[in-house]
All heavy atoms as atom14 arrays in JSON, in Angstrom:
{
  "sequence": "TQELGNYLGNAQDKDAVDKVMGDLDANNDGEVDFTEFIILVGALTV",
  "atom14_mask": [
    [1, 1, 1, 1, 1, 1, 1, 0, 0, 0, 0, 0, 0, 0],
    [1, 1, 1, 1, 1, 1, 1, 1, 1, 0, 0, 0, 0, 0],
    [1, 1, 1, 1, 1, 1, 1, 1, 1, 0, 0, 0, 0, 0],
    [1, 1, 1, 1, 1, 1, 1, 1, 0, 0, 0, 0, 0, 0],
    [1, 1, 1, 1, 0, 0, 0, 0, 0, 0, 0, 0, 0, 0],
    [1, 1, 1, 1, 1, 1, 1, 1, 0, 0, 0, 0, 0, 0],
    [1, 1, 1, 1, 1, 1, 1, 1, 1, 1, 1, 1, 0, 0],
    [1, 1, 1, 1, 1, 1, 1, 1, 0, 0, 0, 0, 0, 0],
    [1, 1, 1, 1, 0, 0, 0, 0, 0, 0, 0, 0, 0, 0],
    [1, 1, 1, 1, 1, 1, 1, 1, 0, 0, 0, 0, 0, 0],
    [1, 1, 1, 1, 1, 0, 0, 0, 0, 0, 0, 0, 0, 0],
    [1, 1, 1, 1, 1, 1, 1, 1, 1, 0, 0, 0, 0, 0],
    [1, 1, 1, 1, 1, 1, 1, 1, 0, 0, 0, 0, 0, 0],
    [1, 1, 1, 1, 1, 1, 1, 1, 1, 0, 0, 0, 0, 0],
    [1, 1, 1, 1, 1, 1, 1, 1, 0, 0, 0, 0, 0, 0],
    [1, 1, 1, 1, 1, 0, 0, 0, 0, 0, 0, 0, 0, 0],
    [1, 1, 1, 1, 1, 1, 1, 0, 0, 0, 0, 0, 0, 0],
    [1, 1, 1, 1, 1, 1, 1, 1, 0, 0, 0, 0, 0, 0],
    [1, 1, 1, 1, 1, 1, 1, 1, 1, 0, 0, 0, 0, 0],
    [1, 1, 1, 1, 1, 1, 1, 0, 0, 0, 0, 0, 0, 0],
    [1, 1, 1, 1, 1, 1, 1, 1, 0, 0, 0, 0, 0, 0],
    [1, 1, 1, 1, 0, 0, 0, 0, 0, 0, 0, 0, 0, 0],
    [1, 1, 1, 1, 1, 1, 1, 1, 0, 0, 0, 0, 0, 0],
    [1, 1, 1, 1, 1, 1, 1, 1, 0, 0, 0, 0, 0, 0],
    [1, 1, 1, 1, 1, 1, 1, 1, 0, 0, 0, 0, 0, 0],
    [1, 1, 1, 1, 1, 0, 0, 0, 0, 0, 0, 0, 0, 0],
    [1, 1, 1, 1, 1, 1, 1, 1, 0, 0, 0, 0, 0, 0],
    [1, 1, 1, 1, 1, 1, 1, 1, 0, 0, 0, 0, 0, 0],
    [1, 1, 1, 1, 1, 1, 1, 1, 0, 0, 0, 0, 0, 0],
    [1, 1, 1, 1, 0, 0, 0, 0, 0, 0, 0, 0, 0, 0],
    [1, 1, 1, 1, 1, 1, 1, 1, 1, 0, 0, 0, 0, 0],
    [1, 1, 1, 1, 1, 1, 1, 0, 0, 0, 0, 0, 0, 0],
    [1, 1, 1, 1, 1, 1, 1, 1, 0, 0, 0, 0, 0, 0],
    [1, 1, 1, 1, 1, 1, 1, 1, 1, 1, 1, 0, 0, 0],
    [1, 1, 1, 1, 1, 1, 1, 0, 0, 0, 0, 0, 0, 0],
    [1, 1, 1, 1, 1, 1, 1, 1, 1, 0, 0, 0, 0, 0],
    [1, 1, 1, 1, 1, 1, 1, 1, 1, 1, 1, 0, 0, 0],
    [1, 1, 1, 1, 1, 1, 1, 1, 0, 0, 0, 0, 0, 0],
    [1, 1, 1, 1, 1, 1, 1, 1, 0, 0, 0, 0, 0, 0],
    [1, 1, 1, 1, 1, 1, 1, 1, 0, 0, 0, 0, 0, 0],
    [1, 1, 1, 1, 1, 1, 1, 0, 0, 0, 0, 0, 0, 0],
    [1, 1, 1, 1, 0, 0, 0, 0, 0, 0, 0, 0, 0, 0],
    [1, 1, 1, 1, 1, 0, 0, 0, 0, 0, 0, 0, 0, 0],
    [1, 1, 1, 1, 1, 1, 1, 1, 0, 0, 0, 0, 0, 0],
    [1, 1, 1, 1, 1, 1, 1, 0, 0, 0, 0, 0, 0, 0],
    [1, 1, 1, 1, 1, 1, 1, 0, 0, 0, 0, 0, 0, 0]
  ],
  "atom14_positions": [
    [[92.07, 80.55, 65.49], [92.2, 79.82, 66.74], [90.83, 79.46, 67.39], [90.59, 78.33, 67.76], [93.08, 80.62, 67.76], [94.29, 80.95, 67.19], [93.25, 79.86, 69.05], [0.0, 0.0, 0.0], [0.0, 0.0, 0.0], [0.0, 0.0, 0.0], [0.0, 0.0, 0.0], [0.0, 0.0, 0.0], [0.0, 0.0, 0.0], [0.0, 0.0, 0.0]],
    [[89.97, 80.45, 67.42], [88.71, 80.28, 68.12], [87.69, 79.49, 67.3], [86.88, 78.67, 67.85], [88.15, 81.6, 68.49], [88.97, 82.39, 69.46], [89.12, 81.72, 70.81], [88.17, 81.15, 71.38], [90.33, 81.63, 71.31], [0.0, 0.0, 0.0], [0.0, 0.0, 0.0], [0.0, 0.0, 0.0], [0.0, 0.0, 0.0], [0.0, 0.0, 0.0]],
    [[87.65, 79.71, 66.02], [86.55, 79.19, 65.18], [86.96, 78.01, 64.36], [86.1, 77.21, 63.99], [86.04, 80.3, 64.25], [85.59, 81.56, 64.97], [84.35, 81.42, 65.86], [83.57, 80.44, 65.63], [84.18, 82.22, 66.76], [0.0, 0.0, 0.0], [0.0, 0.0, 0.0], [0.0, 0.0, 0.0], [0.0, 0.0, 0.0], [0.0, 0.0, 0.0]],
    [[88.23, 77.84, 63.98], [88.66, 76.78, 63.09], [89.79, 75.91, 63.6], [90.44, 75.18, 62.96], [89.07, 77.39, 61.72], [87.99, 78.04, 60.94], [88.49, 78.84, 59.77], [86.91, 77.01, 60.49], [0.0, 0.0, 0.0], [0.0, 0.0, 0.0], [0.0, 0.0, 0.0], [0.0, 0.0, 0.0], [0.0, 0.0, 0.0], [0.0, 0.0, 0.0]],
    [[90.0, 76.01, 64.94], [91.12, 75.3, 65.58], [91.07, 73.84, 65.37], [92.08, 73.17, 65.19], [0.0, 0.0, 0.0], [0.0, 0.0, 0.0], [0.0, 0.0, 0.0], [0.0, 0.0, 0.0], [0.0, 0.0, 0.0], [0.0, 0.0, 0.0], [0.0, 0.0, 0.0], [0.0, 0.0, 0.0], [0.0, 0.0, 0.0], [0.0, 0.0, 0.0]],
    [[89.85, 73.22, 65.39], [89.69, 71.75, 65.21], [90.11, 71.34, 63.76], [90.56, 70.21, 63.59], [88.25, 71.3, 65.46], [87.92, 71.48, 66.97], [88.75, 71.31, 67.81], [86.64, 71.7, 67.24], [0.0, 0.0, 0.0], [0.0, 0.0, 0.0], [0.0, 0.0, 0.0], [0.0, 0.0, 0.0], [0.0, 0.0, 0.0], [0.0, 0.0, 0.0]],
    [[89.96, 72.16, 62.78], [90.21, 71.86, 61.38], [91.62, 72.29, 61.0], [92.26, 71.6, 60.17], [89.22, 72.52, 60.42], [87.81, 71.9, 60.45], [86.78, 72.49, 59.79], [87.59, 70.67, 61.06], [85.59, 71.94, 59.76], [86.37, 70.15, 61.04], [85.3, 70.77, 60.4], [84.06, 70.2, 60.41], [0.0, 0.0, 0.0], [0.0, 0.0, 0.0]],
    [[92.16, 73.37, 61.6], [93.42, 73.83, 61.17], [94.6, 73.4, 62.03], [95.69, 73.66, 61.7], [93.39, 75.37, 61.09], [92.51, 75.98, 59.97], [92.56, 77.5, 60.08], [92.91, 75.48, 58.64], [0.0, 0.0, 0.0], [0.0, 0.0, 0.0], [0.0, 0.0, 0.0], [0.0, 0.0, 0.0], [0.0, 0.0, 0.0], [0.0, 0.0, 0.0]],
    [[94.3, 72.8, 63.15], [95.39, 72.39, 64.03], [95.99, 73.57, 64.72], [95.29, 74.37, 65.36], [0.0, 0.0, 0.0], [0.0, 0.0, 0.0], [0.0, 0.0, 0.0], [0.0, 0.0, 0.0], [0.0, 0.0, 0.0], [0.0, 0.0, 0.0], [0.0, 0.0, 0.0], [0.0, 0.0, 0.0], [0.0, 0.0, 0.0], [0.0, 0.0, 0.0]],
    [[97.26, 73.69, 64.62], [97.95, 74.68, 65.46], [97.93, 76.07, 64.78], [98.9, 76.52, 64.16], [99.42, 74.25, 65.59], [100.2, 75.12, 66.6], [99.57, 75.92, 67.26], [101.49, 74.94, 66.71], [0.0, 0.0, 0.0], [0.0, 0.0, 0.0], [0.0, 0.0, 0.0], [0.0, 0.0, 0.0], [0.0, 0.0, 0.0], [0.0, 0.0, 0.0]],
    [[96.82, 76.75, 65.03], [96.68, 78.08, 64.51], [97.5, 79.11, 65.35], [97.58, 80.27, 64.96], [95.14, 78.51, 64.46], [0.0, 0.0, 0.0], [0.0, 0.0, 0.0], [0.0, 0.0, 0.0], [0.0, 0.0, 0.0], [0.0, 0.0, 0.0], [0.0, 0.0, 0.0], [0.0, 0.0, 0.0], [0.0, 0.0, 0.0], [0.0, 0.0, 0.0]],
    [[98.06, 78.67, 66.42], [98.87, 79.53, 67.28], [100.26, 79.77, 66.58], [100.93, 80.7, 66.91], [99.13, 78.87, 68.67], [97.89, 78.72, 69.42], [97.3, 80.0, 70.0], [97.89, 81.07, 69.9], [96.12, 79.93, 70.59], [0.0, 0.0, 0.0], [0.0, 0.0, 0.0], [0.0, 0.0, 0.0], [0.0, 0.0, 0.0], [0.0, 0.0, 0.0]],
    [[100.65, 78.86, 65.72], [101.93, 78.92, 64.99], [101.95, 80.19, 64.15], [101.23, 80.31, 63.15], [102.1, 77.68, 64.22], [103.46, 77.65, 63.41], [104.2, 78.58, 63.47], [103.66, 76.57, 62.86], [0.0, 0.0, 0.0], [0.0, 0.0, 0.0], [0.0, 0.0, 0.0], [0.0, 0.0, 0.0], [0.0, 0.0, 0.0], [0.0, 0.0, 0.0]],
    [[102.91, 81.08, 64.44], [102.99, 82.36, 63.71], [103.19, 82.15, 62.22], [102.68, 82.8, 61.4], [104.12, 83.24, 64.29], [104.22, 84.65, 63.65], [105.4, 85.37, 64.18], [105.53, 86.72, 63.53], [105.49, 86.78, 62.08], [0.0, 0.0, 0.0], [0.0, 0.0, 0.0], [0.0, 0.0, 0.0], [0.0, 0.0, 0.0], [0.0, 0.0, 0.0]],
    [[104.14, 81.22, 61.92], [104.41, 80.91, 60.46], [103.16, 80.41, 59.77], [102.85, 80.73, 58.62], [105.51, 79.83, 60.34], [106.86, 80.43, 60.74], [107.03, 81.71, 60.79], [107.76, 79.65, 61.12], [0.0, 0.0, 0.0], [0.0, 0.0, 0.0], [0.0, 0.0, 0.0], [0.0, 0.0, 0.0], [0.0, 0.0, 0.0], [0.0, 0.0, 0.0]],
    [[102.35, 79.57, 60.47], [101.1, 79.06, 59.88], [100.09, 80.24, 59.61], [99.52, 80.29, 58.51], [100.49, 77.96, 60.75], [0.0, 0.0, 0.0], [0.0, 0.0, 0.0], [0.0, 0.0, 0.0], [0.0, 0.0, 0.0], [0.0, 0.0, 0.0], [0.0, 0.0, 0.0], [0.0, 0.0, 0.0], [0.0, 0.0, 0.0], [0.0, 0.0, 0.0]],
    [[99.97, 81.13, 60.57], [99.12, 82.28, 60.35], [99.63, 83.17, 59.28], [98.83, 83.62, 58.4], [98.95, 83.06, 61.71], [98.16, 84.34, 61.54], [98.31, 82.21, 62.8], [0.0, 0.0, 0.0], [0.0, 0.0, 0.0], [0.0, 0.0, 0.0], [0.0, 0.0, 0.0], [0.0, 0.0, 0.0], [0.0, 0.0, 0.0], [0.0, 0.0, 0.0]],
    [[100.93, 83.38, 59.17], [101.52, 84.18, 58.13], [101.27, 83.54, 56.76], [100.91, 84.27, 55.79], [103.04, 84.35, 58.32], [103.4, 85.32, 59.45], [102.48, 86.04, 59.94], [104.53, 85.26, 59.85], [0.0, 0.0, 0.0], [0.0, 0.0, 0.0], [0.0, 0.0, 0.0], [0.0, 0.0, 0.0], [0.0, 0.0, 0.0], [0.0, 0.0, 0.0]],
    [[101.33, 82.26, 56.67], [101.05, 81.57, 55.43], [99.58, 81.7, 55.02], [99.3, 81.97, 53.86], [101.44, 80.03, 55.49], [101.08, 79.29, 54.19], [101.95, 78.2, 53.97], [101.53, 77.36, 52.72], [101.07, 78.06, 51.56], [0.0, 0.0, 0.0], [0.0, 0.0, 0.0], [0.0, 0.0, 0.0], [0.0, 0.0, 0.0], [0.0, 0.0, 0.0]],
    [[98.69, 81.48, 55.93], [97.27, 81.62, 55.63], [96.96, 83.07, 55.18], [96.3, 83.32, 54.24], [96.4, 81.25, 56.88], [94.94, 81.62, 56.64], [96.44, 79.76, 57.18], [0.0, 0.0, 0.0], [0.0, 0.0, 0.0], [0.0, 0.0, 0.0], [0.0, 0.0, 0.0], [0.0, 0.0, 0.0], [0.0, 0.0, 0.0], [0.0, 0.0, 0.0]],
    [[97.55, 84.08, 55.9], [97.33, 85.43, 55.56], [97.87, 85.71, 54.19], [97.21, 86.36, 53.32], [98.04, 86.36, 56.55], [97.97, 87.82, 56.21], [96.36, 88.6, 56.19], [96.21, 89.14, 57.9], [0.0, 0.0, 0.0], [0.0, 0.0, 0.0], [0.0, 0.0, 0.0], [0.0, 0.0, 0.0], [0.0, 0.0, 0.0], [0.0, 0.0, 0.0]],
    [[99.08, 85.22, 53.85], [99.68, 85.44, 52.53], [98.9, 84.77, 51.42], [98.65, 85.37, 50.36], [0.0, 0.0, 0.0], [0.0, 0.0, 0.0], [0.0, 0.0, 0.0], [0.0, 0.0, 0.0], [0.0, 0.0, 0.0], [0.0, 0.0, 0.0], [0.0, 0.0, 0.0], [0.0, 0.0, 0.0], [0.0, 0.0, 0.0], [0.0, 0.0, 0.0]],
    [[98.34, 83.58, 51.72], [97.57, 82.9, 50.73], [96.22, 83.54, 50.48], [95.67, 83.57, 49.37], [97.29, 81.41, 51.16], [98.58, 80.58, 51.11], [99.59, 80.99, 50.48], [98.53, 79.48, 51.67], [0.0, 0.0, 0.0], [0.0, 0.0, 0.0], [0.0, 0.0, 0.0], [0.0, 0.0, 0.0], [0.0, 0.0, 0.0], [0.0, 0.0, 0.0]],
    [[95.62, 84.13, 51.59], [94.27, 84.7, 51.44], [94.3, 86.12, 50.95], [93.36, 86.54, 50.24], [93.56, 84.68, 52.76], [93.14, 83.33, 53.34], [92.49, 83.56, 54.71], [92.19, 82.71, 52.38], [0.0, 0.0, 0.0], [0.0, 0.0, 0.0], [0.0, 0.0, 0.0], [0.0, 0.0, 0.0], [0.0, 0.0, 0.0], [0.0, 0.0, 0.0]],
    [[95.32, 86.89, 51.29], [95.37, 88.3, 50.98], [95.69, 88.54, 49.53], [96.79, 88.97, 49.17], [96.4, 88.99, 51.95], [96.44, 90.45, 51.8], [95.45, 91.08, 51.23], [97.43, 91.06, 52.25], [0.0, 0.0, 0.0], [0.0, 0.0, 0.0], [0.0, 0.0, 0.0], [0.0, 0.0, 0.0], [0.0, 0.0, 0.0], [0.0, 0.0, 0.0]],
    [[94.72, 88.32, 48.69], [94.88, 88.39, 47.24], [95.32, 89.71, 46.77], [96.09, 89.84, 45.78], [93.64, 87.95, 46.52], [0.0, 0.0, 0.0], [0.0, 0.0, 0.0], [0.0, 0.0, 0.0], [0.0, 0.0, 0.0], [0.0, 0.0, 0.0], [0.0, 0.0, 0.0], [0.0, 0.0, 0.0], [0.0, 0.0, 0.0], [0.0, 0.0, 0.0]],
    [[94.91, 90.81, 47.38], [95.28, 92.17, 46.98], [96.47, 92.73, 47.7], [96.8, 93.87, 47.55], [94.08, 93.12, 47.0], [93.56, 93.22, 48.43], [94.03, 92.67, 49.36], [92.47, 94.04, 48.55], [0.0, 0.0, 0.0], [0.0, 0.0, 0.0], [0.0, 0.0, 0.0], [0.0, 0.0, 0.0], [0.0, 0.0, 0.0], [0.0, 0.0, 0.0]],
    [[97.11, 91.88, 48.57], [98.33, 92.23, 49.27], [98.2, 93.55, 50.06], [99.15, 94.36, 50.1], [99.5, 92.4, 48.34], [99.88, 91.06, 47.7], [99.95, 90.01, 48.38], [100.04, 91.01, 46.37], [0.0, 0.0, 0.0], [0.0, 0.0, 0.0], [0.0, 0.0, 0.0], [0.0, 0.0, 0.0], [0.0, 0.0, 0.0], [0.0, 0.0, 0.0]],
    [[97.07, 93.75, 50.73], [96.94, 94.94, 51.61], [97.16, 94.67, 53.04], [97.02, 95.52, 53.89], [95.52, 95.57, 51.36], [94.36, 94.7, 51.85], [94.63, 93.56, 52.24], [93.23, 95.16, 51.79], [0.0, 0.0, 0.0], [0.0, 0.0, 0.0], [0.0, 0.0, 0.0], [0.0, 0.0, 0.0], [0.0, 0.0, 0.0], [0.0, 0.0, 0.0]],
    [[97.59, 93.43, 53.37], [97.87, 93.1, 54.79], [96.66, 92.8, 55.61], [96.78, 92.66, 56.79], [0.0, 0.0, 0.0], [0.0, 0.0, 0.0], [0.0, 0.0, 0.0], [0.0, 0.0, 0.0], [0.0, 0.0, 0.0], [0.0, 0.0, 0.0], [0.0, 0.0, 0.0], [0.0, 0.0, 0.0], [0.0, 0.0, 0.0], [0.0, 0.0, 0.0]],
    [[95.53, 92.76, 54.98], [94.26, 92.41, 55.64], [93.45, 91.4, 54.83], [93.69, 91.3, 53.63], [93.48, 93.7, 55.92], [94.23, 94.63, 56.82], [93.4, 95.84, 57.25], [92.55, 96.31, 56.46], [93.58, 96.3, 58.36], [0.0, 0.0, 0.0], [0.0, 0.0, 0.0], [0.0, 0.0, 0.0], [0.0, 0.0, 0.0], [0.0, 0.0, 0.0]],
    [[92.53, 90.73, 55.46], [91.62, 89.79, 54.81], [90.26, 90.35, 54.77], [89.71, 90.64, 55.84], [91.67, 88.39, 55.54], [90.62, 87.49, 54.91], [93.11, 87.83, 55.42], [0.0, 0.0, 0.0], [0.0, 0.0, 0.0], [0.0, 0.0, 0.0], [0.0, 0.0, 0.0], [0.0, 0.0, 0.0], [0.0, 0.0, 0.0], [0.0, 0.0, 0.0]],
    [[89.69, 90.56, 53.55], [88.32, 91.11, 53.49], [87.33, 89.96, 53.46], [87.73, 88.75, 53.52], [88.2, 92.04, 52.28], [88.34, 91.37, 50.95], [88.22, 90.1, 50.81], [88.65, 92.08, 49.98], [0.0, 0.0, 0.0], [0.0, 0.0, 0.0], [0.0, 0.0, 0.0], [0.0, 0.0, 0.0], [0.0, 0.0, 0.0], [0.0, 0.0, 0.0]],
    [[86.07, 90.24, 53.42], [85.03, 89.24, 53.51], [85.16, 88.25, 52.36], [85.04, 87.0, 52.55], [83.62, 89.86, 53.57], [82.55, 88.77, 53.79], [82.39, 88.25, 55.07], [81.75, 88.36, 52.78], [81.45, 87.25, 55.3], [80.78, 87.41, 52.96], [80.62, 86.86, 54.24], [0.0, 0.0, 0.0], [0.0, 0.0, 0.0], [0.0, 0.0, 0.0]],
    [[85.43, 88.7, 51.16], [85.61, 87.77, 50.01], [86.73, 86.81, 50.23], [86.63, 85.57, 49.96], [85.8, 88.61, 48.7], [84.64, 89.46, 48.48], [85.97, 87.62, 47.47], [0.0, 0.0, 0.0], [0.0, 0.0, 0.0], [0.0, 0.0, 0.0], [0.0, 0.0, 0.0], [0.0, 0.0, 0.0], [0.0, 0.0, 0.0], [0.0, 0.0, 0.0]],
    [[87.83, 87.34, 50.66], [89.01, 86.49, 50.96], [88.69, 85.45, 52.08], [89.15, 84.32, 52.03], [90.23, 87.36, 51.3], [90.7, 88.19, 50.09], [91.63, 89.33, 50.5], [91.55, 89.85, 51.64], [92.37, 89.8, 49.6], [0.0, 0.0, 0.0], [0.0, 0.0, 0.0], [0.0, 0.0, 0.0], [0.0, 0.0, 0.0], [0.0, 0.0, 0.0]],
    [[87.93, 85.93, 53.1], [87.53, 85.03, 54.15], [86.7, 83.86, 53.64], [86.85, 82.7, 54.0], [86.72, 85.85, 55.22], [85.93, 85.02, 56.23], [86.57, 84.34, 57.23], [84.58, 84.99, 56.09], [85.84, 83.61, 58.18], [83.84, 84.31, 57.02], [84.45, 83.55, 58.06], [0.0, 0.0, 0.0], [0.0, 0.0, 0.0], [0.0, 0.0, 0.0]],
    [[85.71, 84.18, 52.74], [84.85, 83.21, 52.19], [85.66, 82.17, 51.36], [85.31, 80.98, 51.32], [83.7, 83.85, 51.38], [82.7, 84.54, 52.28], [82.95, 82.84, 50.5], [82.04, 83.66, 53.33], [0.0, 0.0, 0.0], [0.0, 0.0, 0.0], [0.0, 0.0, 0.0], [0.0, 0.0, 0.0], [0.0, 0.0, 0.0], [0.0, 0.0, 0.0]],
    [[86.69, 82.64, 50.69], [87.56, 81.7, 49.92], [88.21, 80.72, 50.89], [88.21, 79.49, 50.61], [88.62, 82.45, 49.14], [87.87, 83.2, 48.01], [89.71, 81.58, 48.62], [88.78, 84.25, 47.3], [0.0, 0.0, 0.0], [0.0, 0.0, 0.0], [0.0, 0.0, 0.0], [0.0, 0.0, 0.0], [0.0, 0.0, 0.0], [0.0, 0.0, 0.0]],
    [[88.61, 81.16, 52.06], [89.21, 80.2, 53.09], [88.12, 79.21, 53.57], [88.38, 78.02, 53.54], [89.7, 81.04, 54.31], [90.05, 80.23, 55.54], [91.23, 79.3, 55.28], [90.25, 81.1, 56.74], [0.0, 0.0, 0.0], [0.0, 0.0, 0.0], [0.0, 0.0, 0.0], [0.0, 0.0, 0.0], [0.0, 0.0, 0.0], [0.0, 0.0, 0.0]],
    [[86.96, 79.67, 53.86], [85.88, 78.8, 54.36], [85.53, 77.77, 53.26], [85.34, 76.63, 53.48], [84.66, 79.57, 54.84], [83.5, 78.7, 55.17], [85.03, 80.45, 56.09], [0.0, 0.0, 0.0], [0.0, 0.0, 0.0], [0.0, 0.0, 0.0], [0.0, 0.0, 0.0], [0.0, 0.0, 0.0], [0.0, 0.0, 0.0], [0.0, 0.0, 0.0]],
    [[85.41, 78.27, 52.04], [85.09, 77.4, 50.92], [86.16, 76.34, 50.71], [85.83, 75.18, 50.52], [0.0, 0.0, 0.0], [0.0, 0.0, 0.0], [0.0, 0.0, 0.0], [0.0, 0.0, 0.0], [0.0, 0.0, 0.0], [0.0, 0.0, 0.0], [0.0, 0.0, 0.0], [0.0, 0.0, 0.0], [0.0, 0.0, 0.0], [0.0, 0.0, 0.0]],
    [[87.42, 76.77, 50.73], [88.53, 75.79, 50.5], [88.56, 74.76, 51.62], [88.75, 73.54, 51.33], [89.85, 76.57, 50.44], [0.0, 0.0, 0.0], [0.0, 0.0, 0.0], [0.0, 0.0, 0.0], [0.0, 0.0, 0.0], [0.0, 0.0, 0.0], [0.0, 0.0, 0.0], [0.0, 0.0, 0.0], [0.0, 0.0, 0.0], [0.0, 0.0, 0.0]],
    [[88.33, 75.2, 52.88], [88.31, 74.26, 54.01], [87.09, 73.22, 53.86], [87.2, 72.06, 54.12], [88.18, 74.94, 55.26], [89.49, 75.52, 55.83], [89.2, 76.38, 57.03], [90.46, 74.41, 56.18], [0.0, 0.0, 0.0], [0.0, 0.0, 0.0], [0.0, 0.0, 0.0], [0.0, 0.0, 0.0], [0.0, 0.0, 0.0], [0.0, 0.0, 0.0]],
    [[85.95, 73.76, 53.41], [84.82, 72.92, 53.24], [85.04, 71.9, 52.14], [84.65, 70.74, 52.32], [83.57, 73.8, 52.9], [83.47, 74.8, 53.94], [82.27, 73.04, 52.77], [0.0, 0.0, 0.0], [0.0, 0.0, 0.0], [0.0, 0.0, 0.0], [0.0, 0.0, 0.0], [0.0, 0.0, 0.0], [0.0, 0.0, 0.0], [0.0, 0.0, 0.0]],
    [[85.68, 72.28, 51.04], [85.99, 71.35, 49.95], [86.95, 70.25, 50.54], [86.74, 69.1, 50.3], [86.62, 72.08, 48.77], [87.26, 71.14, 47.73], [85.59, 72.94, 48.0], [0.0, 0.0, 0.0], [0.0, 0.0, 0.0], [0.0, 0.0, 0.0], [0.0, 0.0, 0.0], [0.0, 0.0, 0.0], [0.0, 0.0, 0.0], [0.0, 0.0, 0.0]]
  ]
}
């Protein structure tokens, strides 16, 4: 919401956040680590 709102649109949408979390959380631990975060930033940059 705070850092990528202009690029992601409605980051307030719970389903959208759940989808991003599911897509990023490669090891399914319910959290996003730095590597998973960089994958998000890289994909958005592409």
